[in-house]
Amino acid sequence: MAVKHTPTEIVHKGTKGGTTGCGTNTNINPSHWVDTTATITCDKNGCKN
């Protein structure tokens, strides 16, 4: 599953209401996050690989 940060349009590995693969907490500003099936675009460790 992937989750998109709407202000930056970056797609991370993970789900809304938790933590992304690179360690970003999606519970902070939850309105900025949406679940998606888009390709992951984050290039940080944990999301990229």
PDB file of N, CA and C in Angstrom:
ATOM      1  N   MET A   1       0.846  -1.184   0.000  1.00  0.00           N
ATOM      2  CA  MET A   1       0.000   0.000   0.000  1.00  0.00           C
ATOM      3  C   MET A   1       0.887   1.240   0.000  1.00  0.00           C
ATOM      4  N   ALA A   2       0.364   2.304  -0.549  1.00  0.00           N
ATOM      5  CA  ALA A   2       1.089   3.566  -0.609  1.00  0.00           C
ATOM      6  C   ALA A   2       0.209   4.681  -0.054  1.00  0.00           C
ATOM      7  N   VAL A   3       0.866   5.734   0.402  1.00  0.00           N
ATOM      8  CA  VAL A   3       0.162   6.891   0.942  1.00  0.00           C
ATOM      9  C   VAL A   3       0.813   8.147   0.364  1.00  0.00           C
ATOM     10  N   LYS A   4      -0.014   9.096  -0.072  1.00  0.00           N
ATOM     11  CA  LYS A   4       0.499  10.310  -0.710  1.00  0.00           C
ATOM     12  C   LYS A   4       0.377  11.499   0.223  1.00  0.00           C
ATOM     13  N   HIS A   5       1.463  12.274   0.301  1.00  0.00           N
ATOM     14  CA  HIS A   5       1.470  13.533   1.046  1.00  0.00           C
ATOM     15  C   HIS A   5       1.007  14.604   0.071  1.00  0.00           C
ATOM     16  N   THR A   6      -0.211  15.085   0.253  1.00  0.00           N
ATOM     17  CA  THR A   6      -0.824  15.973  -0.739  1.00  0.00           C
ATOM     18  C   THR A   6      -0.113  17.316  -0.939  1.00  0.00           C
ATOM     19  N   PRO A   7       0.458  17.975   0.097  1.00  0.00           N
ATOM     20  CA  PRO A   7       1.140  19.247  -0.173  1.00  0.00           C
ATOM     21  C   PRO A   7       2.369  19.090  -1.081  1.00  0.00           C
ATOM     22  N   THR A   8       3.085  17.980  -0.965  1.00  0.00           N
ATOM     23  CA  THR A   8       4.311  17.796  -1.753  1.00  0.00           C
ATOM     24  C   THR A   8       4.115  16.853  -2.930  1.00  0.00           C
ATOM     25  N   GLU A   9       2.991  16.121  -2.959  1.00  0.00           N
ATOM     26  CA  GLU A   9       2.693  15.126  -4.001  1.00  0.00           C
ATOM     27  C   GLU A   9       3.650  13.933  -3.987  1.00  0.00           C
ATOM     28  N   ILE A  10       4.393  13.731  -2.889  1.00  0.00           N
ATOM     29  CA  ILE A  10       5.311  12.588  -2.772  1.00  0.00           C
ATOM     30  C   ILE A  10       4.524  11.381  -2.278  1.00  0.00           C
ATOM     31  N   VAL A  11       4.726  10.233  -2.928  1.00  0.00           N
ATOM     32  CA  VAL A  11       4.049   8.995  -2.556  1.00  0.00           C
ATOM     33  C   VAL A  11       5.027   8.134  -1.760  1.00  0.00           C
ATOM     34  N   HIS A  12       4.624   7.736  -0.560  1.00  0.00           N
ATOM     35  CA  HIS A  12       5.455   6.950   0.349  1.00  0.00           C
ATOM     36  C   HIS A  12       4.908   5.529   0.486  1.00  0.00           C
ATOM     37  N   LYS A  13       5.759   4.604   0.913  1.00  0.00           N
ATOM     38  CA  LYS A  13       5.340   3.252   1.250  1.00  0.00           C
ATOM     39  C   LYS A  13       4.715   3.305   2.642  1.00  0.00           C
ATOM     40  N   GLY A  14       3.517   2.743   2.801  1.00  0.00           N
ATOM     41  CA  GLY A  14       2.844   2.745   4.095  1.00  0.00           C
ATOM     42  C   GLY A  14       1.361   2.995   3.945  1.00  0.00           C
ATOM     43  N   THR A  15       0.701   3.278   5.075  1.00  0.00           N
ATOM     44  CA  THR A  15      -0.733   3.549   5.055  1.00  0.00           C
ATOM     45  C   THR A  15      -1.037   4.760   5.922  1.00  0.00           C
ATOM     46  N   LYS A  16      -2.179   5.383   5.650  1.00  0.00           N
ATOM     47  CA  LYS A  16      -2.625   6.528   6.441  1.00  0.00           C
ATOM     48  C   LYS A  16      -2.943   6.044   7.854  1.00  0.00           C
ATOM     49  N   GLY A  17      -2.560   6.829   8.858  1.00  0.00           N
ATOM     50  CA  GLY A  17      -2.819   6.463  10.243  1.00  0.00           C
ATOM     51  C   GLY A  17      -1.694   5.669  10.868  1.00  0.00           C
ATOM     52  N   GLY A  18      -0.511   5.717  10.262  1.00  0.00           N
ATOM     53  CA  GLY A  18       0.643   4.993  10.798  1.00  0.00           C
ATOM     54  C   GLY A  18       1.928   5.710  10.446  1.00  0.00           C
ATOM     55  N   THR A  19       2.951   4.928  10.140  1.00  0.00           N
ATOM     56  CA  THR A  19       4.254   5.470   9.796  1.00  0.00           C
ATOM     57  C   THR A  19       4.638   4.997   8.404  1.00  0.00           C
ATOM     58  N   THR A  20       5.247   5.863   7.608  1.00  0.00           N
ATOM     59  CA  THR A  20       5.688   5.484   6.272  1.00  0.00           C
ATOM     60  C   THR A  20       6.963   4.653   6.363  1.00  0.00           C
ATOM     61  N   GLY A  21       7.384   4.094   5.253  1.00  0.00           N
ATOM     62  CA  GLY A  21       8.607   3.291   5.210  1.00  0.00           C
ATOM     63  C   GLY A  21       9.834   4.068   5.640  1.00  0.00           C
ATOM     64  N   CYS A  22       9.853   5.379   5.377  1.00  0.00           N
ATOM     65  CA  CYS A  22      11.010   6.202   5.744  1.00  0.00           C
ATOM     66  C   CYS A  22      10.866   6.833   7.124  1.00  0.00           C
ATOM     67  N   GLY A  23       9.782   6.502   7.834  1.00  0.00           N
ATOM     68  CA  GLY A  23       9.635   6.939   9.217  1.00  0.00           C
ATOM     69  C   GLY A  23       8.789   8.173   9.459  1.00  0.00           C
ATOM     70  N   THR A  24       8.098   8.677   8.453  1.00  0.00           N
ATOM     71  CA  THR A  24       7.236   9.843   8.642  1.00  0.00           C
ATOM     72  C   THR A  24       5.921   9.416   9.287  1.00  0.00           C
ATOM     73  N   ASN A  25       5.502  10.130  10.320  1.00  0.00           N
ATOM     74  CA  ASN A  25       4.266   9.828  11.041  1.00  0.00           C
ATOM     75  C   ASN A  25       3.091  10.465  10.302  1.00  0.00           C
ATOM     76  N   THR A  26       2.179   9.643   9.759  1.00  0.00           N
ATOM     77  CA  THR A  26       1.036  10.178   9.018  1.00  0.00           C
ATOM     78  C   THR A  26      -0.092  10.643   9.932  1.00  0.00           C
ATOM     79  N   ASN A  27       0.051  10.470  11.246  1.00  0.00           N
ATOM     80  CA  ASN A  27      -0.949  10.961  12.185  1.00  0.00           C
ATOM     81  C   ASN A  27      -0.786  12.461  12.456  1.00  0.00           C
ATOM     82  N   ILE A  28       0.374  13.018  12.073  1.00  0.00           N
ATOM     83  CA  ILE A  28       0.594  14.454  12.183  1.00  0.00           C
ATOM     84  C   ILE A  28       0.026  15.083  10.914  1.00  0.00           C
ATOM     85  N   ASN A  29      -0.888  16.030  11.052  1.00  0.00           N
ATOM     86  CA  ASN A  29      -1.604  16.629   9.914  1.00  0.00           C
ATOM     87  C   ASN A  29      -2.251  15.551   9.046  1.00  0.00           C
ATOM     88  N   PRO A  30      -3.159  14.749   9.604  1.00  0.00           N
ATOM     89  CA  PRO A  30      -3.756  13.638   8.849  1.00  0.00           C
ATOM     90  C   PRO A  30      -4.494  14.060   7.587  1.00  0.00           C
ATOM     91  N   SER A  31      -4.928  15.319   7.519  1.00  0.00           N
ATOM     92  CA  SER A  31      -5.622  15.788   6.314  1.00  0.00           C
ATOM     93  C   SER A  31      -4.670  15.925   5.126  1.00  0.00           C
ATOM     94  N   HIS A  32      -3.361  15.870   5.374  1.00  0.00           N
ATOM     95  CA  HIS A  32      -2.365  15.983   4.312  1.00  0.00           C
ATOM     96  C   HIS A  32      -2.036  14.633   3.678  1.00  0.00           C
ATOM     97  N   TRP A  33      -2.632  13.548   4.158  1.00  0.00           N
ATOM     98  CA  TRP A  33      -2.295  12.205   3.697  1.00  0.00           C
ATOM     99  C   TRP A  33      -3.509  11.495   3.104  1.00  0.00           C
ATOM    100  N   VAL A  34      -3.315  10.804   1.969  1.00  0.00           N
ATOM    101  CA  VAL A  34      -4.382  10.010   1.364  1.00  0.00           C
ATOM    102  C   VAL A  34      -3.803   8.681   0.892  1.00  0.00           C
ATOM    103  N   ASP A  35      -4.555   7.595   1.120  1.00  0.00           N
ATOM    104  CA  ASP A  35      -4.151   6.289   0.607  1.00  0.00           C
ATOM    105  C   ASP A  35      -4.253   6.304  -0.911  1.00  0.00           C
ATOM    106  N   THR A  36      -3.327   5.622  -1.578  1.00  0.00           N
ATOM    107  CA  THR A  36      -3.298   5.622  -3.035  1.00  0.00           C
ATOM    108  C   THR A  36      -2.711   4.317  -3.551  1.00  0.00           C
ATOM    109  N   THR A  37      -2.913   4.051  -4.817  1.00  0.00           N
ATOM    110  CA  THR A  37      -2.291   2.894  -5.460  1.00  0.00           C
ATOM    111  C   THR A  37      -1.205   3.357  -6.431  1.00  0.00           C
ATOM    112  N   ALA A  38      -0.843   4.636  -6.358  1.00  0.00           N
ATOM    113  CA  ALA A  38       0.178   5.212  -7.236  1.00  0.00           C
ATOM    114  C   ALA A  38       1.555   4.625  -6.930  1.00  0.00           C
ATOM    115  N   THR A  39       2.461   4.771  -7.866  1.00  0.00           N
ATOM    116  CA  THR A  39       3.837   4.315  -7.703  1.00  0.00           C
ATOM    117  C   THR A  39       4.544   5.163  -6.649  1.00  0.00           C
ATOM    118  N   ILE A  40       5.338   4.521  -5.792  1.00  0.00           N
ATOM    119  CA  ILE A  40       6.063   5.205  -4.725  1.00  0.00           C
ATOM    120  C   ILE A  40       7.129   6.108  -5.337  1.00  0.00           C
ATOM    121  N   THR A  41       7.137   7.382  -4.933  1.00  0.00           N
ATOM    122  CA  THR A  41       8.093   8.343  -5.475  1.00  0.00           C
ATOM    123  C   THR A  41       9.114   8.811  -4.448  1.00  0.00           C
ATOM    124  N   CYS A  42       8.948   8.475  -3.175  1.00  0.00           N
ATOM    125  CA  CYS A  42       9.905   8.861  -2.143  1.00  0.00           C
ATOM    126  C   CYS A  42      11.208   8.096  -2.363  1.00  0.00           C
ATOM    127  N   ASP A  43      12.346   8.801  -2.293  1.00  0.00           N
ATOM    128  CA  ASP A  43      13.631   8.137  -2.547  1.00  0.00           C
ATOM    129  C   ASP A  43      14.447   7.914  -1.275  1.00  0.00           C
ATOM    130  N   LYS A  44      13.793   8.022  -0.108  1.00  0.00           N
ATOM    131  CA  LYS A  44      14.487   7.785   1.163  1.00  0.00           C
ATOM    132  C   LYS A  44      14.494   6.299   1.491  1.00  0.00           C
ATOM    133  N   ASN A  45      15.467   5.863   2.319  1.00  0.00           N
ATOM    134  CA  ASN A  45      15.556   4.472   2.767  1.00  0.00           C
ATOM    135  C   ASN A  45      14.257   4.069   3.439  1.00  0.00           C
ATOM    136  N   GLY A  46      13.773   2.882   3.138  1.00  0.00           N
ATOM    137  CA  GLY A  46      12.541   2.382   3.715  1.00  0.00           C
ATOM    138  C   GLY A  46      11.381   2.499   2.750  1.00  0.00           C
ATOM    139  N   CYS A  47      11.325   3.577   2.012  1.00  0.00           N
ATOM    140  CA  CYS A  47      10.293   3.754   0.991  1.00  0.00           C
ATOM    141  C   CYS A  47      10.820   3.257  -0.356  1.00  0.00           C
ATOM    142  N   LYS A  48      12.047   3.650  -0.673  1.00  0.00           N
ATOM    143  CA  LYS A  48      12.629   3.335  -1.974  1.00  0.00           C
ATOM    144  C   LYS A  48      12.920   1.858  -2.147  1.00  0.00           C
ATOM    145  N   ASN A  49      13.340   1.198  -1.078  1.00  0.00           N
ATOM    146  CA  ASN A  49      13.730  -0.216  -1.212  1.00  0.00           C
ATOM    147  C   ASN A  49      13.036  -1.104  -0.215  1.00  0.00           C
TER     148      ASN A  49
END
